[in-house]
Amino acid sequence: MKMSANGRNLQLVAGCPPHLVYDGRKISIEVKRSPRAARIKLRIDPRRGVVLLLPKRASLAAGMTFLRQEIDWVASNINRIPETVPFRDGVMLPLLGRPHRITHAPDQRGFVWAEGGHIYVAGGEEHLPRRMKDWTRKMAKTEISVWAADYAEKIDVSYSGITLRDQVSRWGSCSSTGRLNFSWRLLLMPEEVMTYIVAHEVAHLRHMNHSAAFWALVDEIHPRVDQAKKWLKRHGADLHKYGVERVEGV
């Protein structure tokens, strides 16, 4: 389904999962169900994209119909979602909060490495996005693993493993089985912010709640909690624009 919005092409793709394509940008539609919702609602979230809230008994088809009816409202608010920044030669990427320029190095050996404010990517330029994707996940897991092991040792707990994801609803989580889950985008944060999130999830290995005892433990192993929270509130949503490919031909 295509429609015009402010002189740009807006396409609603009712697939699995559904999404929007707006001016070449692929924007997710997060479908949430709530037993407390009395009617279908829409909202724009800078991190989640378009959020479609359905009452318990409402069908997805009814939700998509409502979205079509409100498409003008969506179009007028969609710029609140950050513009995408694909992995390309010349793009600036914050690495542990410090700007680095992605630099194609076709004549160099190896794959990807960071040096002197650059992230060099060898090989054909057509492989650059995939190699950057693989490298950022690998680097994120390496950095996170070091800090998770350190914090776990400090409070004498253990975890069953670390998984990296690209979820938009949270930066990290801790499962009941002791597995730690993190967004790879922690690699793009200043180190003290990244380490706060790691400390937060490791602390859940002792307290699976947000009690006073939990926060006291987080403060003990990461004493700059307030500063990290402020940074995330101001800049966290912006990190979701990196490494997202534009959709061509719409």
C-alpha atoms as a PDB file:
ATOM      1  CA  MET A   1       0.000   0.000   0.000  1.00  0.00           C
ATOM      2  CA  LYS A   2       1.534   3.323  -1.108  1.00  0.00           C
ATOM      3  CA  MET A   3       0.404   6.815  -0.307  1.00  0.00           C
ATOM      4  CA  SER A   4       1.790  10.326  -0.517  1.00  0.00           C
ATOM      5  CA  ALA A   5       2.798  12.215   2.615  1.00  0.00           C
ATOM      6  CA  ASN A   6       4.345  15.666   2.524  1.00  0.00           C
ATOM      7  CA  GLY A   7       5.618  15.032  -1.000  1.00  0.00           C
ATOM      8  CA  ARG A   8       7.350  11.781  -0.050  1.00  0.00           C
ATOM      9  CA  ASN A   9       6.466   8.150  -0.657  1.00  0.00           C
ATOM     10  CA  LEU A  10       5.060   6.348   2.346  1.00  0.00           C
ATOM     11  CA  GLN A  11       4.546   2.628   2.054  1.00  0.00           C
ATOM     12  CA  LEU A  12       2.872   0.395   4.600  1.00  0.00           C
ATOM     13  CA  VAL A  13       4.133  -3.169   4.313  1.00  0.00           C
ATOM     14  CA  ALA A  14       1.728  -5.465   6.129  1.00  0.00           C
ATOM     15  CA  GLY A  15       4.140  -8.384   6.287  1.00  0.00           C
ATOM     16  CA  CYS A  16       5.585 -10.312   9.202  1.00  0.00           C
ATOM     17  CA  PRO A  17       6.589  -8.168  10.920  1.00  0.00           C
ATOM     18  CA  PRO A  18       4.767  -5.150   9.456  1.00  0.00           C
ATOM     19  CA  HIS A  19       6.791  -2.009   8.798  1.00  0.00           C
ATOM     20  CA  LEU A  20       6.741   1.353   7.060  1.00  0.00           C
ATOM     21  CA  VAL A  21       9.014   2.596   4.309  1.00  0.00           C
ATOM     22  CA  TYR A  22       9.272   6.384   4.406  1.00  0.00           C
ATOM     23  CA  ASP A  23      11.553   8.356   2.099  1.00  0.00           C
ATOM     24  CA  GLY A  24      13.768   5.297   1.712  1.00  0.00           C
ATOM     25  CA  ARG A  25      13.820   4.524   5.440  1.00  0.00           C
ATOM     26  CA  LYS A  26      12.536   1.251   6.856  1.00  0.00           C
ATOM     27  CA  ILE A  27      10.690   2.009  10.079  1.00  0.00           C
ATOM     28  CA  SER A  28       9.499  -0.784  12.336  1.00  0.00           C
ATOM     29  CA  ILE A  29       5.959  -1.140  13.613  1.00  0.00           C
ATOM     30  CA  GLU A  30       5.963  -2.655  17.083  1.00  0.00           C
ATOM     31  CA  VAL A  31       2.680  -4.396  17.854  1.00  0.00           C
ATOM     32  CA  LYS A  32       1.899  -4.580  21.568  1.00  0.00           C
ATOM     33  CA  ARG A  33      -1.119  -6.088  23.295  1.00  0.00           C
ATOM     34  CA  SER A  34      -2.455  -4.778  26.567  1.00  0.00           C
ATOM     35  CA  PRO A  35      -5.328  -6.268  28.598  1.00  0.00           C
ATOM     36  CA  ARG A  36      -5.880  -2.774  30.046  1.00  0.00           C
ATOM     37  CA  ALA A  37      -6.235  -1.007  26.703  1.00  0.00           C
ATOM     38  CA  ALA A  38      -9.823  -0.063  25.890  1.00  0.00           C
ATOM     39  CA  ARG A  39      -9.147   0.854  22.251  1.00  0.00           C
ATOM     40  CA  ILE A  40      -6.491   0.702  19.563  1.00  0.00           C
ATOM     41  CA  LYS A  41      -3.822   3.394  19.934  1.00  0.00           C
ATOM     42  CA  LEU A  42      -0.787   4.619  18.020  1.00  0.00           C
ATOM     43  CA  ARG A  43       2.328   6.412  19.217  1.00  0.00           C
ATOM     44  CA  ILE A  44       5.732   7.344  17.860  1.00  0.00           C
ATOM     45  CA  ASP A  45       8.740   6.249  19.892  1.00  0.00           C
ATOM     46  CA  PRO A  46      12.226   7.470  18.884  1.00  0.00           C
ATOM     47  CA  ARG A  47      13.693   4.070  19.754  1.00  0.00           C
ATOM     48  CA  ARG A  48      10.874   1.672  18.867  1.00  0.00           C
ATOM     49  CA  GLY A  49       9.501   3.370  15.773  1.00  0.00           C
ATOM     50  CA  VAL A  50       5.729   3.249  15.353  1.00  0.00           C
ATOM     51  CA  VAL A  51       4.036   1.501  18.280  1.00  0.00           C
ATOM     52  CA  LEU A  52       0.608  -0.024  17.636  1.00  0.00           C
ATOM     53  CA  LEU A  53      -1.186  -0.840  20.899  1.00  0.00           C
ATOM     54  CA  LEU A  54      -3.984  -3.409  20.651  1.00  0.00           C
ATOM     55  CA  PRO A  55      -6.594  -4.371  23.254  1.00  0.00           C
ATOM     56  CA  LYS A  56      -6.529  -8.029  24.220  1.00  0.00           C
ATOM     57  CA  ARG A  57      -9.296  -9.087  21.832  1.00  0.00           C
ATOM     58  CA  ALA A  58      -8.465  -6.817  18.894  1.00  0.00           C
ATOM     59  CA  SER A  59      -7.105  -8.482  15.763  1.00  0.00           C
ATOM     60  CA  LEU A  60      -3.922  -7.455  13.993  1.00  0.00           C
ATOM     61  CA  ALA A  61      -6.028  -6.788  10.891  1.00  0.00           C
ATOM     62  CA  ALA A  62      -8.112  -4.275  12.857  1.00  0.00           C
ATOM     63  CA  GLY A  63      -4.918  -2.654  14.072  1.00  0.00           C
ATOM     64  CA  MET A  64      -3.551  -2.325  10.543  1.00  0.00           C
ATOM     65  CA  THR A  65      -6.842  -0.790   9.377  1.00  0.00           C
ATOM     66  CA  PHE A  66      -6.584   1.765  12.176  1.00  0.00           C
ATOM     67  CA  LEU A  67      -2.991   2.496  11.163  1.00  0.00           C
ATOM     68  CA  ARG A  68      -4.079   3.184   7.576  1.00  0.00           C
ATOM     69  CA  GLN A  69      -6.760   5.553   8.823  1.00  0.00           C
ATOM     70  CA  GLU A  70      -4.197   7.452  10.916  1.00  0.00           C
ATOM     71  CA  ILE A  71      -1.444   7.468   8.297  1.00  0.00           C
ATOM     72  CA  ASP A  72      -1.476  11.272   7.957  1.00  0.00           C
ATOM     73  CA  TRP A  73      -0.818  11.617  11.686  1.00  0.00           C
ATOM     74  CA  VAL A  74       2.004   9.085  11.415  1.00  0.00           C
ATOM     75  CA  ALA A  75       3.532  10.994   8.495  1.00  0.00           C
ATOM     76  CA  SER A  76       3.414  14.300  10.364  1.00  0.00           C
ATOM     77  CA  ASN A  77       5.215  12.818  13.388  1.00  0.00           C
ATOM     78  CA  ILE A  78       7.574  10.332  11.787  1.00  0.00           C
ATOM     79  CA  ASN A  79      10.522  12.709  11.776  1.00  0.00           C
ATOM     80  CA  ARG A  80      10.778  12.204  15.529  1.00  0.00           C
ATOM     81  CA  ILE A  81      12.419   8.884  14.635  1.00  0.00           C
ATOM     82  CA  PRO A  82      16.143   9.506  13.941  1.00  0.00           C
ATOM     83  CA  GLU A  83      17.367   9.368  10.336  1.00  0.00           C
ATOM     84  CA  THR A  84      19.180   6.140   9.531  1.00  0.00           C
ATOM     85  CA  VAL A  85      22.974   6.067   9.160  1.00  0.00           C
ATOM     86  CA  PRO A  86      23.978   2.948   7.176  1.00  0.00           C
ATOM     87  CA  PHE A  87      27.481   1.524   7.416  1.00  0.00           C
ATOM     88  CA  ARG A  88      29.222   3.250   4.505  1.00  0.00           C
ATOM     89  CA  ASP A  89      32.667   4.588   3.620  1.00  0.00           C
ATOM     90  CA  GLY A  90      33.140   8.019   5.240  1.00  0.00           C
ATOM     91  CA  VAL A  91      30.377   7.671   7.856  1.00  0.00           C
ATOM     92  CA  MET A  92      31.220   8.781  11.399  1.00  0.00           C
ATOM     93  CA  LEU A  93      30.458   6.166  14.057  1.00  0.00           C
ATOM     94  CA  PRO A  94      30.846   6.635  17.835  1.00  0.00           C
ATOM     95  CA  LEU A  95      33.030   3.821  19.159  1.00  0.00           C
ATOM     96  CA  LEU A  96      32.825   3.736  22.955  1.00  0.00           C
ATOM     97  CA  GLY A  97      31.557   7.294  22.607  1.00  0.00           C
ATOM     98  CA  ARG A  98      34.529   8.525  20.533  1.00  0.00           C
ATOM     99  CA  PRO A  99      34.001   9.461  16.865  1.00  0.00           C
ATOM    100  CA  HIS A 100      35.581   7.153  14.303  1.00  0.00           C
ATOM    101  CA  ARG A 101      35.351   7.429  10.533  1.00  0.00           C
ATOM    102  CA  ILE A 102      34.513   4.268   8.600  1.00  0.00           C
ATOM    103  CA  THR A 103      37.252   4.090   5.974  1.00  0.00           C
ATOM    104  CA  HIS A 104      37.274   1.683   3.068  1.00  0.00           C
ATOM    105  CA  ALA A 105      40.747   0.185   2.580  1.00  0.00           C
ATOM    106  CA  PRO A 106      40.446  -2.029  -0.510  1.00  0.00           C
ATOM    107  CA  ASP A 107      44.205  -2.638  -0.871  1.00  0.00           C
ATOM    108  CA  GLN A 108      44.773  -3.662   2.746  1.00  0.00           C
ATOM    109  CA  ARG A 109      44.822  -7.184   4.110  1.00  0.00           C
ATOM    110  CA  GLY A 110      42.577  -8.338   6.893  1.00  0.00           C
ATOM    111  CA  PHE A 111      38.966  -7.471   7.470  1.00  0.00           C
ATOM    112  CA  VAL A 112      38.143  -4.667   9.937  1.00  0.00           C
ATOM    113  CA  TRP A 113      40.262  -2.863  12.512  1.00  0.00           C
ATOM    114  CA  ALA A 114      40.168   0.424  14.450  1.00  0.00           C
ATOM    115  CA  GLU A 115      43.192   2.699  14.474  1.00  0.00           C
ATOM    116  CA  GLY A 116      43.789   6.431  14.897  1.00  0.00           C
ATOM    117  CA  GLY A 117      40.163   7.511  14.834  1.00  0.00           C
ATOM    118  CA  HIS A 118      39.330   5.329  11.815  1.00  0.00           C
ATOM    119  CA  ILE A 119      37.609   1.988  11.393  1.00  0.00           C
ATOM    120  CA  TYR A 120      39.318   0.450   8.375  1.00  0.00           C
ATOM    121  CA  VAL A 121      37.399  -2.082   6.287  1.00  0.00           C
ATOM    122  CA  ALA A 122      39.358  -4.145   3.766  1.00  0.00           C
ATOM    123  CA  GLY A 123      38.011  -5.917   0.687  1.00  0.00           C
ATOM    124  CA  GLY A 124      35.378  -4.948  -1.834  1.00  0.00           C
ATOM    125  CA  GLU A 125      33.135  -2.017  -0.934  1.00  0.00           C
ATOM    126  CA  GLU A 126      30.050  -4.168  -1.499  1.00  0.00           C
ATOM    127  CA  HIS A 127      31.134  -6.234   1.527  1.00  0.00           C
ATOM    128  CA  LEU A 128      31.651  -3.229   3.823  1.00  0.00           C
ATOM    129  CA  PRO A 129      28.171  -3.152   5.461  1.00  0.00           C
ATOM    130  CA  ARG A 130      28.232  -6.852   6.298  1.00  0.00           C
ATOM    131  CA  ARG A 131      31.798  -6.754   7.588  1.00  0.00           C
ATOM    132  CA  MET A 132      31.010  -3.724   9.741  1.00  0.00           C
ATOM    133  CA  LYS A 133      27.949  -5.489  11.125  1.00  0.00           C
ATOM    134  CA  ASP A 134      29.952  -8.592  12.024  1.00  0.00           C
ATOM    135  CA  TRP A 135      32.813  -6.539  13.495  1.00  0.00           C
ATOM    136  CA  THR A 136      30.636  -4.311  15.683  1.00  0.00           C
ATOM    137  CA  ARG A 137      28.902  -7.352  17.186  1.00  0.00           C
ATOM    138  CA  LYS A 138      32.230  -9.069  17.817  1.00  0.00           C
ATOM    139  CA  MET A 139      33.748  -5.967  19.408  1.00  0.00           C
ATOM    140  CA  ALA A 140      30.662  -5.352  21.532  1.00  0.00           C
ATOM    141  CA  LYS A 141      30.712  -8.891  22.893  1.00  0.00           C
ATOM    142  CA  THR A 142      34.434  -8.643  23.651  1.00  0.00           C
ATOM    143  CA  GLU A 143      34.030  -5.367  25.575  1.00  0.00           C
ATOM    144  CA  ILE A 144      30.882  -6.442  27.414  1.00  0.00           C
ATOM    145  CA  SER A 145      32.340  -9.843  28.353  1.00  0.00           C
ATOM    146  CA  VAL A 146      35.364  -8.268  30.048  1.00  0.00           C
ATOM    147  CA  TRP A 147      33.209  -6.003  32.209  1.00  0.00           C
ATOM    148  CA  ALA A 148      30.575  -8.645  32.958  1.00  0.00           C
ATOM    149  CA  ALA A 149      33.260 -11.032  34.220  1.00  0.00           C
ATOM    150  CA  ASP A 150      34.796  -8.275  36.364  1.00  0.00           C
ATOM    151  CA  TYR A 151      31.484  -7.241  37.963  1.00  0.00           C
ATOM    152  CA  ALA A 152      30.401 -10.857  38.508  1.00  0.00           C
ATOM    153  CA  GLU A 153      33.656 -11.569  40.325  1.00  0.00           C
ATOM    154  CA  LYS A 154      33.229  -8.473  42.501  1.00  0.00           C
ATOM    155  CA  ILE A 155      29.837  -9.576  43.807  1.00  0.00           C
ATOM    156  CA  ASP A 156      30.562 -13.333  43.679  1.00  0.00           C
ATOM    157  CA  VAL A 157      27.915 -14.385  41.167  1.00  0.00           C
ATOM    158  CA  SER A 158      28.063 -16.342  37.921  1.00  0.00           C
ATOM    159  CA  TYR A 159      26.125 -16.236  34.664  1.00  0.00           C
ATOM    160  CA  SER A 160      25.404 -18.890  32.051  1.00  0.00           C
ATOM    161  CA  GLY A 161      26.386 -16.861  28.995  1.00  0.00           C
ATOM    162  CA  ILE A 162      26.102 -13.595  27.094  1.00  0.00           C
ATOM    163  CA  THR A 163      23.863 -13.005  24.080  1.00  0.00           C
ATOM    164  CA  LEU A 164      23.934  -9.955  21.813  1.00  0.00           C
ATOM    165  CA  ARG A 165      20.767  -8.666  20.194  1.00  0.00           C
ATOM    166  CA  ASP A 166      19.496  -5.542  18.481  1.00  0.00           C
ATOM    167  CA  GLN A 167      16.337  -5.002  20.475  1.00  0.00           C
ATOM    168  CA  VAL A 168      14.875  -1.519  20.713  1.00  0.00           C
ATOM    169  CA  SER A 169      12.882  -1.915  23.923  1.00  0.00           C
ATOM    170  CA  ARG A 170      15.826  -2.333  26.313  1.00  0.00           C
ATOM    171  CA  TRP A 171      19.612  -2.133  26.445  1.00  0.00           C
ATOM    172  CA  GLY A 172      20.038  -5.290  28.457  1.00  0.00           C
ATOM    173  CA  SER A 173      18.262  -8.003  30.407  1.00  0.00           C
ATOM    174  CA  CYS A 174      18.987 -10.927  32.708  1.00  0.00           C
ATOM    175  CA  SER A 175      17.029 -14.168  32.358  1.00  0.00           C
ATOM    176  CA  SER A 176      15.944 -16.460  35.174  1.00  0.00           C
ATOM    177  CA  THR A 177      18.522 -18.972  33.917  1.00  0.00           C
ATOM    178  CA  GLY A 178      21.341 -16.490  34.507  1.00  0.00           C
ATOM    179  CA  ARG A 179      21.898 -15.542  30.877  1.00  0.00           C
ATOM    180  CA  LEU A 180      22.814 -11.917  30.193  1.00  0.00           C
ATOM    181  CA  ASN A 181      21.421 -10.255  27.072  1.00  0.00           C
ATOM    182  CA  PHE A 182      22.666  -6.956  25.684  1.00  0.00           C
ATOM    183  CA  SER A 183      22.200  -4.720  22.671  1.00  0.00           C
ATOM    184  CA  TRP A 184      25.311  -4.552  20.513  1.00  0.00           C
ATOM    185  CA  ARG A 185      24.775  -0.772  20.500  1.00  0.00           C
ATOM    186  CA  LEU A 186      26.405  -0.564  23.923  1.00  0.00           C
ATOM    187  CA  LEU A 187      29.603  -0.387  21.853  1.00  0.00           C
ATOM    188  CA  LEU A 188      28.503   3.079  20.669  1.00  0.00           C
ATOM    189  CA  MET A 189      28.149   4.518  24.185  1.00  0.00           C
ATOM    190  CA  PRO A 190      30.805   6.169  26.347  1.00  0.00           C
ATOM    191  CA  GLU A 191      32.494   3.508  28.434  1.00  0.00           C
ATOM    192  CA  GLU A 192      30.986   4.640  31.745  1.00  0.00           C
ATOM    193  CA  VAL A 193      27.484   4.362  30.268  1.00  0.00           C
ATOM    194  CA  MET A 194      28.131   0.950  28.738  1.00  0.00           C
ATOM    195  CA  THR A 195      29.600  -0.323  32.008  1.00  0.00           C
ATOM    196  CA  TYR A 196      26.593   0.962  33.967  1.00  0.00           C
ATOM    197  CA  ILE A 197      24.272  -1.199  31.837  1.00  0.00           C
ATOM    198  CA  VAL A 198      26.531  -4.220  32.282  1.00  0.00           C
ATOM    199  CA  ALA A 199      26.703  -3.628  36.037  1.00  0.00           C
ATOM    200  CA  HIS A 200      22.912  -3.252  36.154  1.00  0.00           C
ATOM    201  CA  GLU A 201      22.298  -6.648  34.547  1.00  0.00           C
ATOM    202  CA  VAL A 202      25.016  -8.417  36.539  1.00  0.00           C
ATOM    203  CA  ALA A 203      23.421  -7.078  39.746  1.00  0.00           C
ATOM    204  CA  HIS A 204      20.195  -8.809  38.686  1.00  0.00           C
ATOM    205  CA  LEU A 205      22.008 -12.119  39.122  1.00  0.00           C
ATOM    206  CA  ARG A 206      21.689 -11.469  42.848  1.00  0.00           C
ATOM    207  CA  HIS A 207      18.459  -9.437  42.933  1.00  0.00           C
ATOM    208  CA  MET A 208      15.896 -10.193  40.205  1.00  0.00           C
ATOM    209  CA  ASN A 209      14.021  -6.984  40.985  1.00  0.00           C
ATOM    210  CA  HIS A 210      14.565  -3.247  41.331  1.00  0.00           C
ATOM    211  CA  SER A 211      14.497  -3.144  45.110  1.00  0.00           C
ATOM    212  CA  ALA A 212      16.522  -0.811  47.302  1.00  0.00           C
ATOM    213  CA  ALA A 213      18.996  -3.647  47.828  1.00  0.00           C
ATOM    214  CA  PHE A 214      19.413  -3.986  44.063  1.00  0.00           C
ATOM    215  CA  TRP A 215      20.136  -0.288  43.534  1.00  0.00           C
ATOM    216  CA  ALA A 216      22.531  -0.257  46.469  1.00  0.00           C
ATOM    217  CA  LEU A 217      24.453  -3.089  44.823  1.00  0.00           C
ATOM    218  CA  VAL A 218      24.561  -1.274  41.467  1.00  0.00           C
ATOM    219  CA  ASP A 219      25.829   1.864  43.215  1.00  0.00           C
ATOM    220  CA  GLU A 220      28.489  -0.200  44.940  1.00  0.00           C
ATOM    221  CA  ILE A 221      29.976  -1.608  41.736  1.00  0.00           C
ATOM    222  CA  HIS A 222      29.239   1.367  39.469  1.00  0.00           C
ATOM    223  CA  PRO A 223      29.105   4.631  41.457  1.00  0.00           C
ATOM    224  CA  ARG A 224      28.189   6.887  38.485  1.00  0.00           C
ATOM    225  CA  VAL A 225      24.643   5.652  37.952  1.00  0.00           C
ATOM    226  CA  ASP A 226      22.965   9.074  37.771  1.00  0.00           C
ATOM    227  CA  GLN A 227      25.357  10.395  35.119  1.00  0.00           C
ATOM    228  CA  ALA A 228      24.862   7.280  33.002  1.00  0.00           C
ATOM    229  CA  LYS A 229      21.069   7.526  33.247  1.00  0.00           C
ATOM    230  CA  LYS A 230      21.151  11.171  32.186  1.00  0.00           C
ATOM    231  CA  TRP A 231      23.293  10.345  29.155  1.00  0.00           C
ATOM    232  CA  LEU A 232      20.943   7.554  28.101  1.00  0.00           C
ATOM    233  CA  LYS A 233      17.908   9.795  28.433  1.00  0.00           C
ATOM    234  CA  ARG A 234      19.500  12.488  26.253  1.00  0.00           C
ATOM    235  CA  HIS A 235      21.361  10.407  23.693  1.00  0.00           C
ATOM    236  CA  GLY A 236      20.203   6.779  23.862  1.00  0.00           C
ATOM    237  CA  ALA A 237      17.532   6.964  21.153  1.00  0.00           C
ATOM    238  CA  ASP A 238      20.022   8.453  18.710  1.00  0.00           C
ATOM    239  CA  LEU A 239      22.125   5.277  18.750  1.00  0.00           C
ATOM    240  CA  HIS A 240      19.403   3.313  16.966  1.00  0.00           C
ATOM    241  CA  LYS A 241      20.055   5.137  13.701  1.00  0.00           C
ATOM    242  CA  TYR A 242      23.454   3.522  13.070  1.00  0.00           C
ATOM    243  CA  GLY A 243      23.913   0.479  10.865  1.00  0.00           C
ATOM    244  CA  VAL A 244      20.341   0.569   9.549  1.00  0.00           C
ATOM    245  CA  GLU A 245      20.142   0.129   5.796  1.00  0.00           C
ATOM    246  CA  ARG A 246      17.961   2.347   3.658  1.00  0.00           C
ATOM    247  CA  VAL A 247      15.319   0.632   1.530  1.00  0.00           C
ATOM    248  CA  GLU A 248      15.799   1.280  -2.171  1.00  0.00           C
ATOM    249  CA  GLY A 249      13.245   1.436  -4.951  1.00  0.00           C
ATOM    250  CA  VAL A 250      10.155   2.674  -3.084  1.00  0.00           C
END
